[in-house]
Amino acid sequence: MDELERKPRAIQHARPVRRANLPPSYQEFYKRSLSKYGHGKEFIKLLKLHREFTMETVERAVASCVKEQLYTADSVRHYLYLMTQPEATKPAPIKYEMEQSVTVKAPTFSPYDQLLQKGRYIH
């Protein structure tokens, strides 16, 4: 796989890839990414995701990406993350009760005026 990364156009002729009998979603991903980017780098990165995730999980993520017309390995990785990470619990909503009125004091600029009188910026 690392050899193919150095020569991404060679993936078209790589015997293991041709013999792998890849699912239709993989074939569609490869065809679309090749036509969009002109090389097979995204497909090679996709295949490398199998080092970290199961075949079934990657296949579902690739199918989701093809459905959404996203043809990058990062998109597949994003779907893999969504599929494998536990759903984060949402914090409880915060209740804002405005029973008391809020008053804001006007700013005082007299200390700045005193500094300006001592400096050279007086007109």
PDB file of N, CA and C in Angstrom:
ATOM      1  N   MET A   1       0.816  -1.193   0.000  1.00  0.00           N
ATOM      2  CA  MET A   1       0.000   0.000   0.000  1.00  0.00           C
ATOM      3  C   MET A   1       0.859   1.255   0.000  1.00  0.00           C
ATOM      4  N   ASP A   2       1.938   1.225   0.767  1.00  0.00           N
ATOM      5  CA  ASP A   2       2.817   2.382   0.830  1.00  0.00           C
ATOM      6  C   ASP A   2       3.522   2.609  -0.506  1.00  0.00           C
ATOM      7  N   GLU A   3       3.788   1.531  -1.229  1.00  0.00           N
ATOM      8  CA  GLU A   3       4.396   1.656  -2.560  1.00  0.00           C
ATOM      9  C   GLU A   3       3.441   2.395  -3.502  1.00  0.00           C
ATOM     10  N   LEU A   4       2.165   2.058  -3.409  1.00  0.00           N
ATOM     11  CA  LEU A   4       1.177   2.702  -4.274  1.00  0.00           C
ATOM     12  C   LEU A   4       1.048   4.192  -3.958  1.00  0.00           C
ATOM     13  N   GLU A   5       1.290   4.548  -2.725  1.00  0.00           N
ATOM     14  CA  GLU A   5       1.185   5.956  -2.356  1.00  0.00           C
ATOM     15  C   GLU A   5       2.246   6.793  -3.063  1.00  0.00           C
ATOM     16  N   ARG A   6       3.383   6.196  -3.291  1.00  0.00           N
ATOM     17  CA  ARG A   6       4.440   6.911  -4.010  1.00  0.00           C
ATOM     18  C   ARG A   6       4.152   6.982  -5.505  1.00  0.00           C
ATOM     19  N   LYS A   7       3.414   6.001  -6.018  1.00  0.00           N
ATOM     20  CA  LYS A   7       3.059   5.969  -7.439  1.00  0.00           C
ATOM     21  C   LYS A   7       1.547   5.746  -7.558  1.00  0.00           C
ATOM     22  N   PRO A   8       0.744   6.780  -7.281  1.00  0.00           N
ATOM     23  CA  PRO A   8      -0.703   6.603  -7.214  1.00  0.00           C
ATOM     24  C   PRO A   8      -1.361   6.168  -8.521  1.00  0.00           C
ATOM     25  N   ARG A   9      -0.746   6.434  -9.648  1.00  0.00           N
ATOM     26  CA  ARG A   9      -1.338   6.004 -10.927  1.00  0.00           C
ATOM     27  C   ARG A   9      -1.203   4.494 -11.138  1.00  0.00           C
ATOM     28  N   ALA A  10      -0.312   3.881 -10.385  1.00  0.00           N
ATOM     29  CA  ALA A  10      -0.090   2.444 -10.531  1.00  0.00           C
ATOM     30  C   ALA A  10      -1.239   1.621  -9.953  1.00  0.00           C
ATOM     31  N   ILE A  11      -2.111   2.242  -9.210  1.00  0.00           N
ATOM     32  CA  ILE A  11      -3.214   1.496  -8.604  1.00  0.00           C
ATOM     33  C   ILE A  11      -4.130   0.894  -9.669  1.00  0.00           C
ATOM     34  N   GLN A  12      -4.212   1.528 -10.810  1.00  0.00           N
ATOM     35  CA  GLN A  12      -5.039   1.004 -11.906  1.00  0.00           C
ATOM     36  C   GLN A  12      -4.561  -0.372 -12.349  1.00  0.00           C
ATOM     37  N   HIS A  13      -3.275  -0.628 -12.187  1.00  0.00           N
ATOM     38  CA  HIS A  13      -2.693  -1.873 -12.668  1.00  0.00           C
ATOM     39  C   HIS A  13      -2.264  -2.812 -11.539  1.00  0.00           C
ATOM     40  N   ALA A  14      -2.519  -2.420 -10.296  1.00  0.00           N
ATOM     41  CA  ALA A  14      -2.093  -3.242  -9.164  1.00  0.00           C
ATOM     42  C   ALA A  14      -2.915  -4.532  -9.111  1.00  0.00           C
ATOM     43  N   ARG A  15      -2.242  -5.636  -9.192  1.00  0.00           N
ATOM     44  CA  ARG A  15      -2.901  -6.946  -9.218  1.00  0.00           C
ATOM     45  C   ARG A  15      -3.761  -7.200  -7.973  1.00  0.00           C
ATOM     46  N   PRO A  16      -3.267  -6.899  -6.765  1.00  0.00           N
ATOM     47  CA  PRO A  16      -4.102  -7.145  -5.584  1.00  0.00           C
ATOM     48  C   PRO A  16      -5.408  -6.354  -5.592  1.00  0.00           C
ATOM     49  N   VAL A  17      -5.357  -5.152  -6.092  1.00  0.00           N
ATOM     50  CA  VAL A  17      -6.573  -4.331  -6.136  1.00  0.00           C
ATOM     51  C   VAL A  17      -7.530  -4.870  -7.194  1.00  0.00           C
ATOM     52  N   ARG A  18      -7.005  -5.284  -8.330  1.00  0.00           N
ATOM     53  CA  ARG A  18      -7.868  -5.837  -9.387  1.00  0.00           C
ATOM     54  C   ARG A  18      -8.495  -7.148  -8.956  1.00  0.00           C
ATOM     55  N   ARG A  19      -7.785  -7.960  -8.204  1.00  0.00           N
ATOM     56  CA  ARG A  19      -8.290  -9.267  -7.779  1.00  0.00           C
ATOM     57  C   ARG A  19      -9.155  -9.196  -6.517  1.00  0.00           C
ATOM     58  N   ALA A  20      -9.195  -8.055  -5.868  1.00  0.00           N
ATOM     59  CA  ALA A  20      -9.868  -7.943  -4.577  1.00  0.00           C
ATOM     60  C   ALA A  20     -11.384  -8.061  -4.678  1.00  0.00           C
ATOM     61  N   ASN A  21     -11.947  -7.890  -5.861  1.00  0.00           N
ATOM     62  CA  ASN A  21     -13.394  -7.946  -6.033  1.00  0.00           C
ATOM     63  C   ASN A  21     -14.071  -6.978  -5.052  1.00  0.00           C
ATOM     64  N   LEU A  22     -13.708  -5.727  -5.192  1.00  0.00           N
ATOM     65  CA  LEU A  22     -14.201  -4.695  -4.280  1.00  0.00           C
ATOM     66  C   LEU A  22     -15.694  -4.453  -4.468  1.00  0.00           C
ATOM     67  N   PRO A  23     -16.380  -4.056  -3.397  1.00  0.00           N
ATOM     68  CA  PRO A  23     -17.812  -3.760  -3.492  1.00  0.00           C
ATOM     69  C   PRO A  23     -18.077  -2.612  -4.464  1.00  0.00           C
ATOM     70  N   PRO A  24     -19.290  -2.525  -4.983  1.00  0.00           N
ATOM     71  CA  PRO A  24     -19.616  -1.463  -5.940  1.00  0.00           C
ATOM     72  C   PRO A  24     -19.376  -0.054  -5.402  1.00  0.00           C
ATOM     73  N   SER A  25     -19.585   0.152  -4.112  1.00  0.00           N
ATOM     74  CA  SER A  25     -19.363   1.493  -3.558  1.00  0.00           C
ATOM     75  C   SER A  25     -17.894   1.891  -3.659  1.00  0.00           C
ATOM     76  N   TYR A  26     -16.986   0.938  -3.470  1.00  0.00           N
ATOM     77  CA  TYR A  26     -15.555   1.210  -3.611  1.00  0.00           C
ATOM     78  C   TYR A  26     -15.222   1.545  -5.061  1.00  0.00           C
ATOM     79  N   GLN A  27     -15.787   0.773  -5.974  1.00  0.00           N
ATOM     80  CA  GLN A  27     -15.525   1.013  -7.389  1.00  0.00           C
ATOM     81  C   GLN A  27     -16.030   2.393  -7.808  1.00  0.00           C
ATOM     82  N   GLU A  28     -17.201   2.769  -7.298  1.00  0.00           N
ATOM     83  CA  GLU A  28     -17.758   4.087  -7.604  1.00  0.00           C
ATOM     84  C   GLU A  28     -16.882   5.189  -6.990  1.00  0.00           C
ATOM     85  N   PHE A  29     -16.468   4.974  -5.754  1.00  0.00           N
ATOM     86  CA  PHE A  29     -15.587   5.946  -5.090  1.00  0.00           C
ATOM     87  C   PHE A  29     -14.305   6.128  -5.891  1.00  0.00           C
ATOM     88  N   TYR A  30     -13.707   5.029  -6.303  1.00  0.00           N
ATOM     89  CA  TYR A  30     -12.454   5.103  -7.066  1.00  0.00           C
ATOM     90  C   TYR A  30     -12.669   5.833  -8.392  1.00  0.00           C
ATOM     91  N   LYS A  31     -13.710   5.466  -9.112  1.00  0.00           N
ATOM     92  CA  LYS A  31     -13.977   6.059 -10.422  1.00  0.00           C
ATOM     93  C   LYS A  31     -14.210   7.567 -10.292  1.00  0.00           C
ATOM     94  N   ARG A  32     -15.012   7.960  -9.312  1.00  0.00           N
ATOM     95  CA  ARG A  32     -15.337   9.388  -9.135  1.00  0.00           C
ATOM     96  C   ARG A  32     -14.136  10.188  -8.623  1.00  0.00           C
ATOM     97  N   SER A  33     -13.385   9.629  -7.688  1.00  0.00           N
ATOM     98  CA  SER A  33     -12.219  10.363  -7.173  1.00  0.00           C
ATOM     99  C   SER A  33     -11.142  10.482  -8.253  1.00  0.00           C
ATOM    100  N   LEU A  34     -11.005   9.448  -9.076  1.00  0.00           N
ATOM    101  CA  LEU A  34     -10.035   9.501 -10.171  1.00  0.00           C
ATOM    102  C   LEU A  34     -10.420  10.575 -11.183  1.00  0.00           C
ATOM    103  N   SER A  35     -11.695  10.648 -11.530  1.00  0.00           N
ATOM    104  CA  SER A  35     -12.113  11.657 -12.506  1.00  0.00           C
ATOM    105  C   SER A  35     -12.056  13.063 -11.908  1.00  0.00           C
ATOM    106  N   LYS A  36     -12.290  13.179 -10.615  1.00  0.00           N
ATOM    107  CA  LYS A  36     -12.290  14.501  -9.987  1.00  0.00           C
ATOM    108  C   LYS A  36     -10.880  15.020  -9.726  1.00  0.00           C
ATOM    109  N   TYR A  37      -9.982  14.154  -9.248  1.00  0.00           N
ATOM    110  CA  TYR A  37      -8.650  14.588  -8.848  1.00  0.00           C
ATOM    111  C   TYR A  37      -7.544  14.177  -9.818  1.00  0.00           C
ATOM    112  N   GLY A  38      -7.816  13.231 -10.702  1.00  0.00           N
ATOM    113  CA  GLY A  38      -6.837  12.827 -11.694  1.00  0.00           C
ATOM    114  C   GLY A  38      -5.795  11.841 -11.194  1.00  0.00           C
ATOM    115  N   HIS A  39      -5.970  11.325  -9.989  1.00  0.00           N
ATOM    116  CA  HIS A  39      -5.027  10.348  -9.439  1.00  0.00           C
ATOM    117  C   HIS A  39      -5.775   9.458  -8.439  1.00  0.00           C
ATOM    118  N   GLY A  40      -5.113   8.420  -8.004  1.00  0.00           N
ATOM    119  CA  GLY A  40      -5.739   7.471  -7.094  1.00  0.00           C
ATOM    120  C   GLY A  40      -5.345   7.641  -5.641  1.00  0.00           C
ATOM    121  N   LYS A  41      -4.811   8.792  -5.275  1.00  0.00           N
ATOM    122  CA  LYS A  41      -4.327   8.992  -3.905  1.00  0.00           C
ATOM    123  C   LYS A  41      -5.442   8.852  -2.873  1.00  0.00           C
ATOM    124  N   GLU A  42      -6.605   9.383  -3.175  1.00  0.00           N
ATOM    125  CA  GLU A  42      -7.710   9.307  -2.217  1.00  0.00           C
ATOM    126  C   GLU A  42      -8.143   7.851  -2.015  1.00  0.00           C
ATOM    127  N   PHE A  43      -8.123   7.085  -3.086  1.00  0.00           N
ATOM    128  CA  PHE A  43      -8.511   5.677  -2.978  1.00  0.00           C
ATOM    129  C   PHE A  43      -7.474   4.893  -2.173  1.00  0.00           C
ATOM    130  N   ILE A  44      -6.221   5.225  -2.355  1.00  0.00           N
ATOM    131  CA  ILE A  44      -5.155   4.557  -1.593  1.00  0.00           C
ATOM    132  C   ILE A  44      -5.310   4.876  -0.102  1.00  0.00           C
ATOM    133  N   LYS A  45      -5.590   6.143   0.210  1.00  0.00           N
ATOM    134  CA  LYS A  45      -5.824   6.514   1.607  1.00  0.00           C
ATOM    135  C   LYS A  45      -7.042   5.787   2.163  1.00  0.00           C
ATOM    136  N   LEU A  46      -8.042   5.624   1.326  1.00  0.00           N
ATOM    137  CA  LEU A  46      -9.238   4.881   1.743  1.00  0.00           C
ATOM    138  C   LEU A  46      -8.873   3.442   2.088  1.00  0.00           C
ATOM    139  N   LEU A  47      -8.093   2.802   1.253  1.00  0.00           N
ATOM    140  CA  LEU A  47      -7.705   1.416   1.507  1.00  0.00           C
ATOM    141  C   LEU A  47      -6.874   1.293   2.788  1.00  0.00           C
ATOM    142  N   LYS A  48      -6.092   2.314   3.086  1.00  0.00           N
ATOM    143  CA  LYS A  48      -5.275   2.281   4.302  1.00  0.00           C
ATOM    144  C   LYS A  48      -6.126   2.374   5.567  1.00  0.00           C
ATOM    145  N   LEU A  49      -7.362   2.836   5.442  1.00  0.00           N
ATOM    146  CA  LEU A  49      -8.249   2.913   6.606  1.00  0.00           C
ATOM    147  C   LEU A  49      -8.600   1.526   7.138  1.00  0.00           C
ATOM    148  N   HIS A  50      -8.409   0.508   6.297  1.00  0.00           N
ATOM    149  CA  HIS A  50      -8.677  -0.867   6.733  1.00  0.00           C
ATOM    150  C   HIS A  50      -7.671  -1.327   7.791  1.00  0.00           C
ATOM    151  N   ARG A  51      -6.590  -0.618   7.938  1.00  0.00           N
ATOM    152  CA  ARG A  51      -5.624  -0.941   8.990  1.00  0.00           C
ATOM    153  C   ARG A  51      -6.192  -0.610  10.372  1.00  0.00           C
ATOM    154  N   GLU A  52      -7.129   0.333  10.404  1.00  0.00           N
ATOM    155  CA  GLU A  52      -7.676   0.806  11.677  1.00  0.00           C
ATOM    156  C   GLU A  52      -9.105   0.326  11.954  1.00  0.00           C
ATOM    157  N   PHE A  53      -9.873   0.072  10.876  1.00  0.00           N
ATOM    158  CA  PHE A  53     -11.290  -0.229  11.031  1.00  0.00           C
ATOM    159  C   PHE A  53     -11.644  -1.531  10.325  1.00  0.00           C
ATOM    160  N   THR A  54     -12.754  -2.115  10.704  1.00  0.00           N
ATOM    161  CA  THR A  54     -13.196  -3.366  10.093  1.00  0.00           C
ATOM    162  C   THR A  54     -13.704  -3.126   8.675  1.00  0.00           C
ATOM    163  N   MET A  55     -13.722  -4.181   7.894  1.00  0.00           N
ATOM    164  CA  MET A  55     -14.186  -4.098   6.508  1.00  0.00           C
ATOM    165  C   MET A  55     -15.630  -3.600   6.444  1.00  0.00           C
ATOM    166  N   GLU A  56     -16.483  -4.129   7.305  1.00  0.00           N
ATOM    167  CA  GLU A  56     -17.899  -3.761   7.288  1.00  0.00           C
ATOM    168  C   GLU A  56     -18.088  -2.281   7.598  1.00  0.00           C
ATOM    169  N   THR A  57     -17.341  -1.785   8.574  1.00  0.00           N
ATOM    170  CA  THR A  57     -17.475  -0.384   8.967  1.00  0.00           C
ATOM    171  C   THR A  57     -17.000   0.541   7.850  1.00  0.00           C
ATOM    172  N   VAL A  58     -15.869   0.222   7.252  1.00  0.00           N
ATOM    173  CA  VAL A  58     -15.349   1.055   6.166  1.00  0.00           C
ATOM    174  C   VAL A  58     -16.298   1.002   4.973  1.00  0.00           C
ATOM    175  N   GLU A  59     -16.826  -0.159   4.688  1.00  0.00           N
ATOM    176  CA  GLU A  59     -17.746  -0.298   3.557  1.00  0.00           C
ATOM    177  C   GLU A  59     -18.994   0.562   3.760  1.00  0.00           C
ATOM    178  N   ARG A  60     -19.520   0.594   4.972  1.00  0.00           N
ATOM    179  CA  ARG A  60     -20.697   1.438   5.249  1.00  0.00           C
ATOM    180  C   ARG A  60     -20.340   2.916   5.110  1.00  0.00           C
ATOM    181  N   ALA A  61     -19.158   3.292   5.575  1.00  0.00           N
ATOM    182  CA  ALA A  61     -18.729   4.688   5.465  1.00  0.00           C
ATOM    183  C   ALA A  61     -18.527   5.093   4.011  1.00  0.00           C
ATOM    184  N   VAL A  62     -17.941   4.204   3.212  1.00  0.00           N
ATOM    185  CA  VAL A  62     -17.743   4.492   1.789  1.00  0.00           C
ATOM    186  C   VAL A  62     -19.094   4.637   1.089  1.00  0.00           C
ATOM    187  N   ALA A  63     -20.031   3.757   1.402  1.00  0.00           N
ATOM    188  CA  ALA A  63     -21.364   3.845   0.806  1.00  0.00           C
ATOM    189  C   ALA A  63     -22.032   5.170   1.165  1.00  0.00           C
ATOM    190  N   SER A  64     -21.856   5.617   2.388  1.00  0.00           N
ATOM    191  CA  SER A  64     -22.418   6.909   2.806  1.00  0.00           C
ATOM    192  C   SER A  64     -21.783   8.058   2.034  1.00  0.00           C
ATOM    193  N   CYS A  65     -20.481   7.982   1.852  1.00  0.00           N
ATOM    194  CA  CYS A  65     -19.784   9.041   1.112  1.00  0.00           C
ATOM    195  C   CYS A  65     -20.202   9.077  -0.351  1.00  0.00           C
ATOM    196  N   VAL A  66     -20.340   7.918  -0.952  1.00  0.00           N
ATOM    197  CA  VAL A  66     -20.766   7.861  -2.360  1.00  0.00           C
ATOM    198  C   VAL A  66     -22.177   8.439  -2.480  1.00  0.00           C
ATOM    199  N   LYS A  67     -23.026   8.107  -1.529  1.00  0.00           N
ATOM    200  CA  LYS A  67     -24.396   8.621  -1.534  1.00  0.00           C
ATOM    201  C   LYS A  67     -24.400  10.147  -1.438  1.00  0.00           C
ATOM    202  N   GLU A  68     -23.491  10.699  -0.631  1.00  0.00           N
ATOM    203  CA  GLU A  68     -23.404  12.146  -0.444  1.00  0.00           C
ATOM    204  C   GLU A  68     -22.480  12.822  -1.458  1.00  0.00           C
ATOM    205  N   GLN A  69     -21.914  12.053  -2.365  1.00  0.00           N
ATOM    206  CA  GLN A  69     -21.004  12.536  -3.412  1.00  0.00           C
ATOM    207  C   GLN A  69     -19.754  13.192  -2.814  1.00  0.00           C
ATOM    208  N   LEU A  70     -19.211  12.539  -1.795  1.00  0.00           N
ATOM    209  CA  LEU A  70     -17.971  12.981  -1.161  1.00  0.00           C
ATOM    210  C   LEU A  70     -16.902  11.953  -1.487  1.00  0.00           C
ATOM    211  N   TYR A  71     -15.877  12.362  -2.206  1.00  0.00           N
ATOM    212  CA  TYR A  71     -14.903  11.414  -2.727  1.00  0.00           C
ATOM    213  C   TYR A  71     -13.496  11.672  -2.191  1.00  0.00           C
ATOM    214  N   THR A  72     -13.387  11.881  -0.882  1.00  0.00           N
ATOM    215  CA  THR A  72     -12.069  12.014  -0.251  1.00  0.00           C
ATOM    216  C   THR A  72     -11.979  11.022   0.907  1.00  0.00           C
ATOM    217  N   ALA A  73     -10.775  10.608   1.200  1.00  0.00           N
ATOM    218  CA  ALA A  73     -10.553   9.687   2.314  1.00  0.00           C
ATOM    219  C   ALA A  73     -10.893  10.356   3.641  1.00  0.00           C
ATOM    220  N   ASP A  74     -10.717  11.665   3.713  1.00  0.00           N
ATOM    221  CA  ASP A  74     -11.074  12.380   4.937  1.00  0.00           C
ATOM    222  C   ASP A  74     -12.574  12.328   5.189  1.00  0.00           C
ATOM    223  N   SER A  75     -13.363  12.353   4.136  1.00  0.00           N
ATOM    224  CA  SER A  75     -14.811  12.220   4.290  1.00  0.00           C
ATOM    225  C   SER A  75     -15.160  10.840   4.829  1.00  0.00           C
ATOM    226  N   VAL A  76     -14.498   9.833   4.318  1.00  0.00           N
ATOM    227  CA  VAL A  76     -14.727   8.467   4.804  1.00  0.00           C
ATOM    228  C   VAL A  76     -14.313   8.373   6.267  1.00  0.00           C
ATOM    229  N   ARG A  77     -13.171   8.961   6.597  1.00  0.00           N
ATOM    230  CA  ARG A  77     -12.709   8.944   7.986  1.00  0.00           C
ATOM    231  C   ARG A  77     -13.707   9.652   8.903  1.00  0.00           C
ATOM    232  N   HIS A  78     -14.301  10.732   8.423  1.00  0.00           N
ATOM    233  CA  HIS A  78     -15.309  11.447   9.213  1.00  0.00           C
ATOM    234  C   HIS A  78     -16.509  10.541   9.493  1.00  0.00           C
ATOM    235  N   TYR A  79     -16.991   9.859   8.468  1.00  0.00           N
ATOM    236  CA  TYR A  79     -18.111   8.928   8.672  1.00  0.00           C
ATOM    237  C   TYR A  79     -17.704   7.786   9.609  1.00  0.00           C
ATOM    238  N   LEU A  80     -16.490   7.318   9.491  1.00  0.00           N
ATOM    239  CA  LEU A  80     -16.012   6.273  10.395  1.00  0.00           C
ATOM    240  C   LEU A  80     -16.003   6.767  11.838  1.00  0.00           C
ATOM    241  N   TYR A  81     -15.582   7.979  12.016  1.00  0.00           N
ATOM    242  CA  TYR A  81     -15.580   8.561  13.355  1.00  0.00           C
ATOM    243  C   TYR A  81     -16.998   8.635  13.906  1.00  0.00           C
ATOM    244  N   LEU A  82     -17.923   9.105  13.080  1.00  0.00           N
ATOM    245  CA  LEU A  82     -19.314   9.197  13.522  1.00  0.00           C
ATOM    246  C   LEU A  82     -19.895   7.836  13.866  1.00  0.00           C
ATOM    247  N   MET A  83     -19.480   6.818  13.136  1.00  0.00           N
ATOM    248  CA  MET A  83     -20.024   5.477  13.335  1.00  0.00           C
ATOM    249  C   MET A  83     -19.396   4.751  14.523  1.00  0.00           C
ATOM    250  N   THR A  84     -18.164   5.083  14.872  1.00  0.00           N
ATOM    251  CA  THR A  84     -17.465   4.304  15.895  1.00  0.00           C
ATOM    252  C   THR A  84     -17.380   4.995  17.246  1.00  0.00           C
ATOM    253  N   GLN A  85     -17.579   6.290  17.293  1.00  0.00           N
ATOM    254  CA  GLN A  85     -17.481   7.003  18.568  1.00  0.00           C
ATOM    255  C   GLN A  85     -18.827   6.998  19.279  1.00  0.00           C
ATOM    256  N   PRO A  86     -18.811   6.859  20.587  1.00  0.00           N
ATOM    257  CA  PRO A  86     -20.082   6.908  21.314  1.00  0.00           C
ATOM    258  C   PRO A  86     -20.691   8.304  21.201  1.00  0.00           C
ATOM    259  N   GLU A  87     -21.981   8.323  21.158  1.00  0.00           N
ATOM    260  CA  GLU A  87     -22.667   9.604  21.015  1.00  0.00           C
ATOM    261  C   GLU A  87     -22.487  10.409  22.297  1.00  0.00           C
ATOM    262  N   ALA A  88     -22.072  11.623  22.126  1.00  0.00           N
ATOM    263  CA  ALA A  88     -21.843  12.477  23.293  1.00  0.00           C
ATOM    264  C   ALA A  88     -23.183  12.879  23.894  1.00  0.00           C
ATOM    265  N   THR A  89     -23.209  12.893  25.196  1.00  0.00           N
ATOM    266  CA  THR A  89     -24.437  13.307  25.856  1.00  0.00           C
ATOM    267  C   THR A  89     -24.574  14.813  25.755  1.00  0.00           C
ATOM    268  N   LYS A  90     -25.771  15.242  25.541  1.00  0.00           N
ATOM    269  CA  LYS A  90     -26.019  16.669  25.404  1.00  0.00           C
ATOM    270  C   LYS A  90     -26.215  17.269  26.791  1.00  0.00           C
ATOM    271  N   PRO A  91     -25.667  18.442  27.024  1.00  0.00           N
ATOM    272  CA  PRO A  91     -25.858  19.073  28.324  1.00  0.00           C
ATOM    273  C   PRO A  91     -27.313  19.512  28.495  1.00  0.00           C
ATOM    274  N   ALA A  92     -27.721  19.590  29.719  1.00  0.00           N
ATOM    275  CA  ALA A  92     -29.083  20.032  30.004  1.00  0.00           C
ATOM    276  C   ALA A  92     -29.237  21.478  29.566  1.00  0.00           C
ATOM    277  N   PRO A  93     -30.405  21.816  29.057  1.00  0.00           N
ATOM    278  CA  PRO A  93     -30.596  23.206  28.621  1.00  0.00           C
ATOM    279  C   PRO A  93     -30.522  24.165  29.809  1.00  0.00           C
ATOM    280  N   ILE A  94     -29.998  25.319  29.561  1.00  0.00           N
ATOM    281  CA  ILE A  94     -29.870  26.337  30.598  1.00  0.00           C
ATOM    282  C   ILE A  94     -31.119  27.204  30.551  1.00  0.00           C
ATOM    283  N   LYS A  95     -31.714  27.395  31.711  1.00  0.00           N
ATOM    284  CA  LYS A  95     -32.910  28.253  31.790  1.00  0.00           C
ATOM    285  C   LYS A  95     -32.463  29.663  32.142  1.00  0.00           C
ATOM    286  N   TYR A  96     -32.863  30.569  31.319  1.00  0.00           N
ATOM    287  CA  TYR A  96     -32.562  31.968  31.570  1.00  0.00           C
ATOM    288  C   TYR A  96     -33.831  32.637  32.075  1.00  0.00           C
ATOM    289  N   GLU A  97     -33.769  33.064  33.301  1.00  0.00           N
ATOM    290  CA  GLU A  97     -34.910  33.760  33.871  1.00  0.00           C
ATOM    291  C   GLU A  97     -34.516  35.210  34.083  1.00  0.00           C
ATOM    292  N   MET A  98     -35.233  36.081  33.451  1.00  0.00           N
ATOM    293  CA  MET A  98     -34.926  37.499  33.520  1.00  0.00           C
ATOM    294  C   MET A  98     -35.930  38.205  34.425  1.00  0.00           C
ATOM    295  N   GLU A  99     -35.949  37.835  35.682  1.00  0.00           N
ATOM    296  CA  GLU A  99     -36.860  38.471  36.614  1.00  0.00           C
ATOM    297  C   GLU A  99     -36.345  39.838  37.027  1.00  0.00           C
ATOM    298  N   GLN A 100     -35.046  39.979  37.125  1.00  0.00           N
ATOM    299  CA  GLN A 100     -34.474  41.250  37.535  1.00  0.00           C
ATOM    300  C   GLN A 100     -34.017  42.013  36.302  1.00  0.00           C
ATOM    301  N   SER A 101     -34.162  43.318  36.360  1.00  0.00           N
ATOM    302  CA  SER A 101     -33.683  44.100  35.232  1.00  0.00           C
ATOM    303  C   SER A 101     -32.180  44.327  35.396  1.00  0.00           C
ATOM    304  N   VAL A 102     -31.536  44.442  34.319  1.00  0.00           N
ATOM    305  CA  VAL A 102     -30.085  44.635  34.308  1.00  0.00           C
ATOM    306  C   VAL A 102     -29.818  46.103  34.029  1.00  0.00           C
ATOM    307  N   THR A 103     -29.001  46.711  34.868  1.00  0.00           N
ATOM    308  CA  THR A 103     -28.620  48.101  34.637  1.00  0.00           C
ATOM    309  C   THR A 103     -27.133  48.158  34.343  1.00  0.00           C
ATOM    310  N   VAL A 104     -26.802  48.989  33.406  1.00  0.00           N
ATOM    311  CA  VAL A 104     -25.410  49.155  33.006  1.00  0.00           C
ATOM    312  C   VAL A 104     -25.040  50.611  33.222  1.00  0.00           C
ATOM    313  N   LYS A 105     -23.968  50.833  33.993  1.00  0.00           N
ATOM    314  CA  LYS A 105     -23.509  52.196  34.242  1.00  0.00           C
ATOM    315  C   LYS A 105     -22.761  52.710  33.016  1.00  0.00           C
ATOM    316  N   ALA A 106     -22.961  53.974  32.744  1.00  0.00           N
ATOM    317  CA  ALA A 106     -22.242  54.605  31.636  1.00  0.00           C
ATOM    318  C   ALA A 106     -20.762  54.671  31.983  1.00  0.00           C
ATOM    319  N   PRO A 107     -19.896  54.471  31.002  1.00  0.00           N
ATOM    320  CA  PRO A 107     -18.463  54.504  31.292  1.00  0.00           C
ATOM    321  C   PRO A 107     -18.000  55.921  31.632  1.00  0.00           C
ATOM    322  N   THR A 108     -16.979  55.986  32.440  1.00  0.00           N
ATOM    323  CA  THR A 108     -16.384  57.262  32.827  1.00  0.00           C
ATOM    324  C   THR A 108     -15.042  57.387  32.117  1.00  0.00           C
ATOM    325  N   PHE A 109     -14.906  58.494  31.389  1.00  0.00           N
ATOM    326  CA  PHE A 109     -13.674  58.698  30.634  1.00  0.00           C
ATOM    327  C   PHE A 109     -12.760  59.734  31.261  1.00  0.00           C
ATOM    328  N   SER A 110     -13.120  60.254  32.397  1.00  0.00           N
ATOM    329  CA  SER A 110     -12.307  61.308  33.019  1.00  0.00           C
ATOM    330  C   SER A 110     -10.888  60.841  33.340  1.00  0.00           C
ATOM    331  N   PRO A 111     -10.648  59.602  33.788  1.00  0.00           N
ATOM    332  CA  PRO A 111      -9.243  59.198  34.007  1.00  0.00           C
ATOM    333  C   PRO A 111      -8.415  59.235  32.724  1.00  0.00           C
ATOM    334  N   TYR A 112      -9.027  58.924  31.598  1.00  0.00           N
ATOM    335  CA  TYR A 112      -8.298  58.965  30.327  1.00  0.00           C
ATOM    336  C   TYR A 112      -8.049  60.411  29.897  1.00  0.00           C
ATOM    337  N   ASP A 113      -9.034  61.254  30.174  1.00  0.00           N
ATOM    338  CA  ASP A 113      -8.850  62.668  29.847  1.00  0.00           C
ATOM    339  C   ASP A 113      -7.685  63.255  30.640  1.00  0.00           C
ATOM    340  N   GLN A 114      -7.544  62.840  31.907  1.00  0.00           N
ATOM    341  CA  GLN A 114      -6.430  63.333  32.726  1.00  0.00           C
ATOM    342  C   GLN A 114      -5.095  62.861  32.167  1.00  0.00           C
ATOM    343  N   LEU A 115      -5.053  61.628  31.686  1.00  0.00           N
ATOM    344  CA  LEU A 115      -3.810  61.122  31.081  1.00  0.00           C
ATOM    345  C   LEU A 115      -3.462  61.898  29.823  1.00  0.00           C
ATOM    346  N   LEU A 116      -4.468  62.232  29.039  1.00  0.00           N
ATOM    347  CA  LEU A 116      -4.216  62.970  27.809  1.00  0.00           C
ATOM    348  C   LEU A 116      -3.731  64.394  28.096  1.00  0.00           C
ATOM    349  N   GLN A 117      -4.200  64.987  29.192  1.00  0.00           N
ATOM    350  CA  GLN A 117      -3.760  66.348  29.535  1.00  0.00           C
ATOM    351  C   GLN A 117      -2.274  66.363  29.870  1.00  0.00           C
ATOM    352  N   LYS A 118      -1.770  65.278  30.433  1.00  0.00           N
ATOM    353  CA  LYS A 118      -0.362  65.198  30.779  1.00  0.00           C
ATOM    354  C   LYS A 118       0.511  64.846  29.591  1.00  0.00           C
ATOM    355  N   GLY A 119      -0.087  64.257  28.549  1.00  0.00           N
ATOM    356  CA  GLY A 119       0.682  63.809  27.414  1.00  0.00           C
ATOM    357  C   GLY A 119       0.745  64.834  26.307  1.00  0.00           C
ATOM    358  N   ARG A 120       1.240  64.407  25.181  1.00  0.00           N
ATOM    359  CA  ARG A 120       1.456  65.322  24.041  1.00  0.00           C
ATOM    360  C   ARG A 120       0.310  65.282  23.047  1.00  0.00           C
ATOM    361  N   TYR A 121      -0.752  64.535  23.307  1.00  0.00           N
ATOM    362  CA  TYR A 121      -1.822  64.394  22.343  1.00  0.00           C
ATOM    363  C   TYR A 121      -2.967  65.377  22.548  1.00  0.00           C
ATOM    364  N   ILE A 122      -2.758  66.462  23.271  1.00  0.00           N
ATOM    365  CA  ILE A 122      -3.788  67.484  23.500  1.00  0.00           C
ATOM    366  C   ILE A 122      -3.801  68.413  22.296  1.00  0.00           C
ATOM    367  N   HIS A 123      -4.972  68.705  21.840  1.00  0.00           N
ATOM    368  CA  HIS A 123      -5.115  69.619  20.688  1.00  0.00           C
ATOM    369  C   HIS A 123      -5.448  70.995  21.155  1.00  0.00           C
TER     370      HIS A 123
END
